Structures are given as C-alpha cells and as structure tokens.
Amino acid sequence: MKRNLKFWTRFTWENMGVELSITAILAVMTVFGGEGLDLARFVVTVPYLLCIAAIFGMIMINSGTQSLYIPLLVSTGETRRNVLMGFHYFRALVIAVTLALCALIWLAVPGEVSSAGLRSLPTILCALVLASAVGSIMGTVFVRWRWAGMVLIIILCGGMGGVIGITGATAANGGFSYADTLEIVMFLVKFPWWLALAAAAALVLDVAFHWLLLRRQEVRL
C-alpha cells in the first residue's frame, strides 16, 4: 500500500502541472483580451479559470488512467483493491488541492467576489466530483466497449472545447466585466441540490462500475 500511495501521490503532482498550464493559458487569454484590466479583479477570477482547467484535466486524465495506468499497475502485481483505493486517493487529492488553491487566492484578495467565491466552494466541490466521476466512467466504458467510450469522448471533448472557446471569445472581446463575474459567482453561491445528487449518483456508479471492471480485468503483459 505504501508503494501504491507513493505512486499516486507523485502521479497527482505531475498531473497538477497540466491543470496549472491550462489555467495559465486561459489567464493569458483573459489578460491580453481585457482592456484597462484591474489586477485585483483579475486575480479573484483566476480560481474559476483553475476550476475550468481542473474539470477539463480530470475528465481527460481520469479517462486515460483507466485505459493505461491501471492495467499497467495490475500487470505489475499490484492488488486490485490497492489500485482502486489509490486511484480514488489521487482523485480526492486533485480536488482538495484545487479547492485549497481557490480558497487561498480568495482569502488573500478580500472583496465581494472573493467572499461569494468562498461561499460557492460547496458548489464547486460538487462540480469537480461530478467531472471526476464522469471522466472515470468514460474511461471504464472505453476499456469495456470502445465504440461507446469513443462516442462519450467526442461528446465531452466537444462540450469542453465549446466552454474554452466561449471563454476565449469573451476574453478577446474585452473579458468578463466585474458585473458579469459577480453575477456568475452569486449564481454559484445558491447551492444546487440537483448538482449534489448528480455528483453523488455519478460517484457511486463510477466506483461500482470501476470495481466490477477491475475484478474481471485480464492481466496482459
């Protein structure tokens, strides 16, 4: 188990670089697209860019992990139980680090948006859990039924590309105004119970589906 946790911890830090890189790209697009940019107002929007990057990264990385790293670990003799626990430890660590970074930025730059952002952390948590579960389910579906997994990948990647495209277009047209940003965060403050239920249902389905797949997964060297 110690070796397993060490592997997944290192895997987490390596993949956090992907999340931070996507955040940096979105931030640069926002900076160069905005006119008369207020630094303090820009900084408090960075956590939302970080969350978009985390959602994109988890969906893609979780999917790839299911089809590449997990079979590799099983083939090297790691128990299926340890693989399952280590993978979910990795996911929880990514979400925890993302939320911690968001909270630190908002605490460091107090204001109306930051205050609303801190109150929206439960909503962001549900969104991250849902994205992580969907990415994992997409990976297990791809491993078991490649055609169905490919359809899911096309749909989800198209949707994520649309979100990033809208963000880039908005940045190119002057970026989100302070009023727009405040409107978004106030919407997130209103905790949507349907999102919590969807995240819980997706997580349960993901864990169950993943365990069934692991139990039947063949070791191929």
C-alpha atoms as a PDB file:
ATOM      1  CA  MET A   1       0.000   0.000   0.000  1.00  0.00           C
ATOM      2  CA  LYS A   2       2.875   2.403   0.810  1.00  0.00           C
ATOM      3  CA  ARG A   3       4.326   1.961  -2.674  1.00  0.00           C
ATOM      4  CA  ASN A   4       0.848   2.381  -4.148  1.00  0.00           C
ATOM      5  CA  LEU A   5       0.207   5.674  -2.326  1.00  0.00           C
ATOM      6  CA  LYS A   6       3.668   6.956  -3.268  1.00  0.00           C
ATOM      7  CA  PHE A   7       2.955   6.257  -6.932  1.00  0.00           C
ATOM      8  CA  TRP A   8      -0.430   8.012  -6.889  1.00  0.00           C
ATOM      9  CA  THR A   9       0.923  10.995  -4.929  1.00  0.00           C
ATOM     10  CA  ARG A  10       3.670  11.521  -7.489  1.00  0.00           C
ATOM     11  CA  PHE A  11       1.140  10.988 -10.279  1.00  0.00           C
ATOM     12  CA  THR A  12      -1.037  13.708  -8.720  1.00  0.00           C
ATOM     13  CA  TRP A  13       1.716  16.325  -8.604  1.00  0.00           C
ATOM     14  CA  GLU A  14       2.768  15.562 -12.168  1.00  0.00           C
ATOM     15  CA  ASN A  15      -0.791  15.991 -13.422  1.00  0.00           C
ATOM     16  CA  MET A  16      -1.360  19.162 -11.410  1.00  0.00           C
ATOM     17  CA  GLY A  17       1.103  20.685 -13.856  1.00  0.00           C
ATOM     18  CA  VAL A  18      -1.413  20.050 -16.642  1.00  0.00           C
ATOM     19  CA  GLU A  19      -4.123  21.820 -14.660  1.00  0.00           C
ATOM     20  CA  LEU A  20      -1.887  24.808 -13.909  1.00  0.00           C
ATOM     21  CA  SER A  21      -0.776  25.012 -17.555  1.00  0.00           C
ATOM     22  CA  ILE A  22      -4.371  25.153 -18.802  1.00  0.00           C
ATOM     23  CA  THR A  23      -5.117  27.798 -16.165  1.00  0.00           C
ATOM     24  CA  ALA A  24      -2.131  29.845 -17.340  1.00  0.00           C
ATOM     25  CA  ILE A  25      -3.304  29.683 -20.966  1.00  0.00           C
ATOM     26  CA  LEU A  26      -6.809  30.838 -20.018  1.00  0.00           C
ATOM     27  CA  ALA A  27      -5.339  33.589 -17.823  1.00  0.00           C
ATOM     28  CA  VAL A  28      -3.119  34.859 -20.646  1.00  0.00           C
ATOM     29  CA  MET A  29      -6.119  34.915 -22.995  1.00  0.00           C
ATOM     30  CA  THR A  30      -8.025  36.943 -20.403  1.00  0.00           C
ATOM     31  CA  VAL A  31      -5.144  39.362 -19.760  1.00  0.00           C
ATOM     32  CA  PHE A  32      -4.492  40.118 -23.427  1.00  0.00           C
ATOM     33  CA  GLY A  33      -8.194  40.288 -24.215  1.00  0.00           C
ATOM     34  CA  GLY A  34      -9.097  42.680 -21.425  1.00  0.00           C
ATOM     35  CA  GLU A  35      -8.886  46.451 -21.658  1.00  0.00           C
ATOM     36  CA  GLY A  36      -7.970  48.506 -18.634  1.00  0.00           C
ATOM     37  CA  LEU A  37      -7.505  45.348 -16.613  1.00  0.00           C
ATOM     38  CA  ASP A  38      -7.843  45.733 -12.848  1.00  0.00           C
ATOM     39  CA  LEU A  39      -5.262  43.392 -11.280  1.00  0.00           C
ATOM     40  CA  ALA A  40      -7.247  42.735  -8.097  1.00  0.00           C
ATOM     41  CA  ARG A  41     -10.404  41.946 -10.055  1.00  0.00           C
ATOM     42  CA  PHE A  42      -8.450  39.698 -12.396  1.00  0.00           C
ATOM     43  CA  VAL A  43      -6.850  37.733  -9.550  1.00  0.00           C
ATOM     44  CA  VAL A  44     -10.203  36.857  -7.966  1.00  0.00           C
ATOM     45  CA  THR A  45     -11.371  35.359 -11.274  1.00  0.00           C
ATOM     46  CA  VAL A  46      -8.314  33.081 -11.540  1.00  0.00           C
ATOM     47  CA  PRO A  47      -9.845  30.412  -9.229  1.00  0.00           C
ATOM     48  CA  TYR A  48     -12.693  29.975 -11.710  1.00  0.00           C
ATOM     49  CA  LEU A  49     -10.190  29.512 -14.530  1.00  0.00           C
ATOM     50  CA  LEU A  50      -8.440  26.982 -12.287  1.00  0.00           C
ATOM     51  CA  CYS A  51     -11.717  25.112 -11.804  1.00  0.00           C
ATOM     52  CA  ILE A  52     -12.380  25.040 -15.566  1.00  0.00           C
ATOM     53  CA  ALA A  53      -8.867  23.669 -16.066  1.00  0.00           C
ATOM     54  CA  ALA A  54      -9.383  21.085 -13.297  1.00  0.00           C
ATOM     55  CA  ILE A  55     -12.638  19.876 -14.841  1.00  0.00           C
ATOM     56  CA  PHE A  56     -11.028  19.573 -18.278  1.00  0.00           C
ATOM     57  CA  GLY A  57      -7.930  17.896 -16.865  1.00  0.00           C
ATOM     58  CA  MET A  58      -9.749  15.390 -14.654  1.00  0.00           C
ATOM     59  CA  ILE A  59     -12.059  14.250 -17.410  1.00  0.00           C
ATOM     60  CA  MET A  60      -9.162  13.617 -19.781  1.00  0.00           C
ATOM     61  CA  ILE A  61      -6.637  12.277 -17.239  1.00  0.00           C
ATOM     62  CA  ASN A  62      -9.117  10.021 -15.444  1.00  0.00           C
ATOM     63  CA  SER A  63     -10.191   8.576 -18.757  1.00  0.00           C
ATOM     64  CA  GLY A  64      -6.619   7.939 -19.864  1.00  0.00           C
ATOM     65  CA  THR A  65      -5.675   6.479 -16.482  1.00  0.00           C
ATOM     66  CA  GLN A  66      -8.408   3.858 -16.774  1.00  0.00           C
ATOM     67  CA  SER A  67      -7.125   2.630 -20.119  1.00  0.00           C
ATOM     68  CA  LEU A  68      -3.356   2.927 -19.498  1.00  0.00           C
ATOM     69  CA  TYR A  69      -2.030   3.227 -15.932  1.00  0.00           C
ATOM     70  CA  ILE A  70      -4.498   0.975 -14.099  1.00  0.00           C
ATOM     71  CA  PRO A  71      -3.924  -2.027 -16.421  1.00  0.00           C
ATOM     72  CA  LEU A  72      -0.188  -1.357 -16.068  1.00  0.00           C
ATOM     73  CA  LEU A  73      -0.374  -1.467 -12.259  1.00  0.00           C
ATOM     74  CA  VAL A  74      -2.410  -4.668 -12.318  1.00  0.00           C
ATOM     75  CA  SER A  75       0.116  -6.268 -14.675  1.00  0.00           C
ATOM     76  CA  THR A  76       2.996  -5.398 -12.301  1.00  0.00           C
ATOM     77  CA  GLY A  77       1.364  -7.336  -9.461  1.00  0.00           C
ATOM     78  CA  GLU A  78      -0.466  -4.575  -7.554  1.00  0.00           C
ATOM     79  CA  THR A  79      -3.668  -5.842  -5.976  1.00  0.00           C
ATOM     80  CA  ARG A  80      -6.956  -4.684  -7.451  1.00  0.00           C
ATOM     81  CA  ARG A  81      -8.058  -3.359  -4.068  1.00  0.00           C
ATOM     82  CA  ASN A  82      -4.947  -1.174  -3.758  1.00  0.00           C
ATOM     83  CA  VAL A  83      -5.353   0.059  -7.330  1.00  0.00           C
ATOM     84  CA  LEU A  84      -8.961   1.064  -6.643  1.00  0.00           C
ATOM     85  CA  MET A  85      -8.085   2.844  -3.387  1.00  0.00           C
ATOM     86  CA  GLY A  86      -5.025   4.543  -4.890  1.00  0.00           C
ATOM     87  CA  PHE A  87      -6.926   5.843  -7.889  1.00  0.00           C
ATOM     88  CA  HIS A  88      -9.652   7.379  -5.732  1.00  0.00           C
ATOM     89  CA  TYR A  89      -6.987   8.801  -3.411  1.00  0.00           C
ATOM     90  CA  PHE A  90      -5.434  10.524  -6.443  1.00  0.00           C
ATOM     91  CA  ARG A  91      -8.803  11.981  -7.465  1.00  0.00           C
ATOM     92  CA  ALA A  92      -9.564  13.228  -3.954  1.00  0.00           C
ATOM     93  CA  LEU A  93      -6.108  14.812  -3.707  1.00  0.00           C
ATOM     94  CA  VAL A  94      -6.540  16.709  -7.001  1.00  0.00           C
ATOM     95  CA  ILE A  95      -9.923  18.070  -5.877  1.00  0.00           C
ATOM     96  CA  ALA A  96      -8.602  19.000  -2.421  1.00  0.00           C
ATOM     97  CA  VAL A  97      -5.585  20.852  -3.845  1.00  0.00           C
ATOM     98  CA  THR A  98      -7.752  22.702  -6.377  1.00  0.00           C
ATOM     99  CA  LEU A  99     -10.217  23.841  -3.701  1.00  0.00           C
ATOM    100  CA  ALA A 100      -7.352  24.832  -1.384  1.00  0.00           C
ATOM    101  CA  LEU A 101      -5.740  26.996  -4.085  1.00  0.00           C
ATOM    102  CA  CYS A 102      -9.085  28.675  -4.816  1.00  0.00           C
ATOM    103  CA  ALA A 103      -9.656  29.382  -1.123  1.00  0.00           C
ATOM    104  CA  LEU A 104      -6.127  30.751  -0.626  1.00  0.00           C
ATOM    105  CA  ILE A 105      -6.467  33.181  -3.540  1.00  0.00           C
ATOM    106  CA  TRP A 106      -9.845  34.449  -2.336  1.00  0.00           C
ATOM    107  CA  LEU A 107      -8.586  34.808   1.247  1.00  0.00           C
ATOM    108  CA  ALA A 108      -5.508  36.707   0.024  1.00  0.00           C
ATOM    109  CA  VAL A 109      -7.576  39.182  -2.052  1.00  0.00           C
ATOM    110  CA  PRO A 110     -10.672  40.025   0.003  1.00  0.00           C
ATOM    111  CA  GLY A 111     -13.703  41.607  -1.635  1.00  0.00           C
ATOM    112  CA  GLU A 112     -17.243  40.978  -2.773  1.00  0.00           C
ATOM    113  CA  VAL A 113     -16.280  38.422  -5.429  1.00  0.00           C
ATOM    114  CA  SER A 114     -13.874  36.643  -3.066  1.00  0.00           C
ATOM    115  CA  SER A 115     -16.482  36.443  -0.328  1.00  0.00           C
ATOM    116  CA  ALA A 116     -19.025  34.996  -2.755  1.00  0.00           C
ATOM    117  CA  GLY A 117     -16.366  32.665  -4.130  1.00  0.00           C
ATOM    118  CA  LEU A 118     -15.662  31.220  -0.687  1.00  0.00           C
ATOM    119  CA  ARG A 119     -19.381  30.624  -0.182  1.00  0.00           C
ATOM    120  CA  SER A 120     -19.553  28.885  -3.569  1.00  0.00           C
ATOM    121  CA  LEU A 121     -16.922  26.263  -2.645  1.00  0.00           C
ATOM    122  CA  PRO A 122     -19.569  23.556  -1.914  1.00  0.00           C
ATOM    123  CA  THR A 123     -20.998  24.064  -5.421  1.00  0.00           C
ATOM    124  CA  ILE A 124     -17.519  23.933  -6.946  1.00  0.00           C
ATOM    125  CA  LEU A 125     -16.787  20.758  -4.960  1.00  0.00           C
ATOM    126  CA  CYS A 126     -19.866  19.054  -6.426  1.00  0.00           C
ATOM    127  CA  ALA A 127     -18.913  20.151  -9.944  1.00  0.00           C
ATOM    128  CA  LEU A 128     -15.376  18.780  -9.527  1.00  0.00           C
ATOM    129  CA  VAL A 129     -16.618  15.463  -8.102  1.00  0.00           C
ATOM    130  CA  LEU A 130     -19.099  15.132 -10.969  1.00  0.00           C
ATOM    131  CA  ALA A 131     -16.422  15.887 -13.585  1.00  0.00           C
ATOM    132  CA  SER A 132     -14.006  13.432 -11.984  1.00  0.00           C
ATOM    133  CA  ALA A 133     -16.630  10.676 -11.898  1.00  0.00           C
ATOM    134  CA  VAL A 134     -17.704  11.317 -15.493  1.00  0.00           C
ATOM    135  CA  GLY A 135     -14.091  11.148 -16.678  1.00  0.00           C
ATOM    136  CA  SER A 136     -13.556   7.861 -14.859  1.00  0.00           C
ATOM    137  CA  ILE A 137     -16.808   6.377 -16.177  1.00  0.00           C
ATOM    138  CA  MET A 138     -15.809   7.436 -19.681  1.00  0.00           C
ATOM    139  CA  GLY A 139     -12.518   5.587 -19.245  1.00  0.00           C
ATOM    140  CA  THR A 140     -14.101   2.384 -17.950  1.00  0.00           C
ATOM    141  CA  VAL A 141     -16.680   2.446 -20.744  1.00  0.00           C
ATOM    142  CA  PHE A 142     -13.883   2.893 -23.280  1.00  0.00           C
ATOM    143  CA  VAL A 143     -11.960  -0.069 -21.829  1.00  0.00           C
ATOM    144  CA  ARG A 144     -15.035  -2.324 -21.895  1.00  0.00           C
ATOM    145  CA  TRP A 145     -16.843  -1.028 -25.007  1.00  0.00           C
ATOM    146  CA  ARG A 146     -14.522   1.051 -27.176  1.00  0.00           C
ATOM    147  CA  TRP A 147     -17.209   2.314 -29.559  1.00  0.00           C
ATOM    148  CA  ALA A 148     -19.388   3.641 -26.707  1.00  0.00           C
ATOM    149  CA  GLY A 149     -16.362   5.177 -24.998  1.00  0.00           C
ATOM    150  CA  MET A 150     -15.358   6.903 -28.217  1.00  0.00           C
ATOM    151  CA  VAL A 151     -18.838   8.417 -28.542  1.00  0.00           C
ATOM    152  CA  LEU A 152     -18.621   9.744 -24.963  1.00  0.00           C
ATOM    153  CA  ILE A 153     -15.156  11.173 -25.595  1.00  0.00           C
ATOM    154  CA  ILE A 154     -16.346  13.001 -28.723  1.00  0.00           C
ATOM    155  CA  ILE A 155     -19.382  14.455 -26.921  1.00  0.00           C
ATOM    156  CA  LEU A 156     -17.489  15.538 -23.796  1.00  0.00           C
ATOM    157  CA  CYS A 157     -14.480  16.914 -25.662  1.00  0.00           C
ATOM    158  CA  GLY A 158     -16.818  18.866 -27.930  1.00  0.00           C
ATOM    159  CA  GLY A 159     -18.580  20.344 -24.918  1.00  0.00           C
ATOM    160  CA  MET A 160     -15.328  21.241 -23.151  1.00  0.00           C
ATOM    161  CA  GLY A 161     -13.962  22.759 -26.342  1.00  0.00           C
ATOM    162  CA  GLY A 162     -17.074  24.899 -26.567  1.00  0.00           C
ATOM    163  CA  VAL A 163     -16.602  26.151 -23.000  1.00  0.00           C
ATOM    164  CA  ILE A 164     -12.958  27.040 -23.637  1.00  0.00           C
ATOM    165  CA  GLY A 165     -13.926  28.645 -26.960  1.00  0.00           C
ATOM    166  CA  ILE A 166     -16.571  30.808 -25.295  1.00  0.00           C
ATOM    167  CA  THR A 167     -14.072  31.806 -22.607  1.00  0.00           C
ATOM    168  CA  GLY A 168     -11.503  32.741 -25.265  1.00  0.00           C
ATOM    169  CA  ALA A 169     -14.040  34.675 -27.337  1.00  0.00           C
ATOM    170  CA  THR A 170     -15.184  36.574 -24.263  1.00  0.00           C
ATOM    171  CA  ALA A 171     -11.597  37.397 -23.393  1.00  0.00           C
ATOM    172  CA  ALA A 172     -10.937  38.618 -26.938  1.00  0.00           C
ATOM    173  CA  ASN A 173     -13.929  40.955 -26.691  1.00  0.00           C
ATOM    174  CA  GLY A 174     -12.736  42.626 -23.532  1.00  0.00           C
ATOM    175  CA  GLY A 175     -13.098  39.862 -20.967  1.00  0.00           C
ATOM    176  CA  PHE A 176     -15.728  39.383 -18.315  1.00  0.00           C
ATOM    177  CA  SER A 177     -16.812  42.610 -16.707  1.00  0.00           C
ATOM    178  CA  TYR A 178     -16.879  42.932 -12.934  1.00  0.00           C
ATOM    179  CA  ALA A 179     -20.680  42.819 -13.025  1.00  0.00           C
ATOM    180  CA  ASP A 180     -20.613  39.644 -15.148  1.00  0.00           C
ATOM    181  CA  THR A 181     -18.161  37.971 -12.779  1.00  0.00           C
ATOM    182  CA  LEU A 182     -20.230  38.922  -9.748  1.00  0.00           C
ATOM    183  CA  GLU A 183     -23.374  37.605 -11.404  1.00  0.00           C
ATOM    184  CA  ILE A 184     -21.684  34.252 -12.070  1.00  0.00           C
ATOM    185  CA  VAL A 185     -20.371  33.842  -8.527  1.00  0.00           C
ATOM    186  CA  MET A 186     -23.693  34.822  -6.963  1.00  0.00           C
ATOM    187  CA  PHE A 187     -25.314  32.109  -9.075  1.00  0.00           C
ATOM    188  CA  LEU A 188     -22.787  29.578  -7.760  1.00  0.00           C
ATOM    189  CA  VAL A 189     -23.443  30.642  -4.166  1.00  0.00           C
ATOM    190  CA  LYS A 190     -27.014  29.307  -4.495  1.00  0.00           C
ATOM    191  CA  PHE A 191     -26.193  25.670  -3.789  1.00  0.00           C
ATOM    192  CA  PRO A 192     -27.981  23.484  -6.375  1.00  0.00           C
ATOM    193  CA  TRP A 193     -29.145  20.287  -4.699  1.00  0.00           C
ATOM    194  CA  TRP A 194     -29.632  18.641  -8.067  1.00  0.00           C
ATOM    195  CA  LEU A 195     -25.888  19.032  -8.689  1.00  0.00           C
ATOM    196  CA  ALA A 196     -25.076  17.411  -5.352  1.00  0.00           C
ATOM    197  CA  LEU A 197     -27.386  14.491  -6.114  1.00  0.00           C
ATOM    198  CA  ALA A 198     -25.930  14.136  -9.622  1.00  0.00           C
ATOM    199  CA  ALA A 199     -22.372  14.167  -8.228  1.00  0.00           C
ATOM    200  CA  ALA A 200     -23.221  11.554  -5.570  1.00  0.00           C
ATOM    201  CA  ALA A 201     -25.003   9.312  -8.086  1.00  0.00           C
ATOM    202  CA  ALA A 202     -22.140   9.579 -10.594  1.00  0.00           C
ATOM    203  CA  LEU A 203     -19.565   8.796  -7.911  1.00  0.00           C
ATOM    204  CA  VAL A 204     -21.450   5.690  -6.710  1.00  0.00           C
ATOM    205  CA  LEU A 205     -21.902   4.496 -10.281  1.00  0.00           C
ATOM    206  CA  ASP A 206     -18.259   5.166 -11.046  1.00  0.00           C
ATOM    207  CA  VAL A 207     -16.922   3.238  -8.015  1.00  0.00           C
ATOM    208  CA  ALA A 208     -19.250   0.281  -8.632  1.00  0.00           C
ATOM    209  CA  PHE A 209     -18.534   0.133 -12.357  1.00  0.00           C
ATOM    210  CA  HIS A 210     -14.785   0.515 -11.820  1.00  0.00           C
ATOM    211  CA  TRP A 211     -14.658  -2.280  -9.226  1.00  0.00           C
ATOM    212  CA  LEU A 212     -16.614  -4.659 -11.460  1.00  0.00           C
ATOM    213  CA  LEU A 213     -14.232  -3.907 -14.326  1.00  0.00           C
ATOM    214  CA  LEU A 214     -11.166  -4.388 -12.117  1.00  0.00           C
ATOM    215  CA  ARG A 215     -12.380  -7.762 -10.858  1.00  0.00           C
ATOM    216  CA  ARG A 216     -12.739  -9.059 -14.413  1.00  0.00           C
ATOM    217  CA  GLN A 217      -9.786  -7.263 -15.951  1.00  0.00           C
ATOM    218  CA  GLU A 218      -7.224  -9.560 -17.515  1.00  0.00           C
ATOM    219  CA  VAL A 219      -3.529  -9.049 -16.951  1.00  0.00           C
ATOM    220  CA  ARG A 220      -1.769  -8.516 -20.271  1.00  0.00           C
ATOM    221  CA  LEU A 221       1.994  -8.223 -20.385  1.00  0.00           C
END
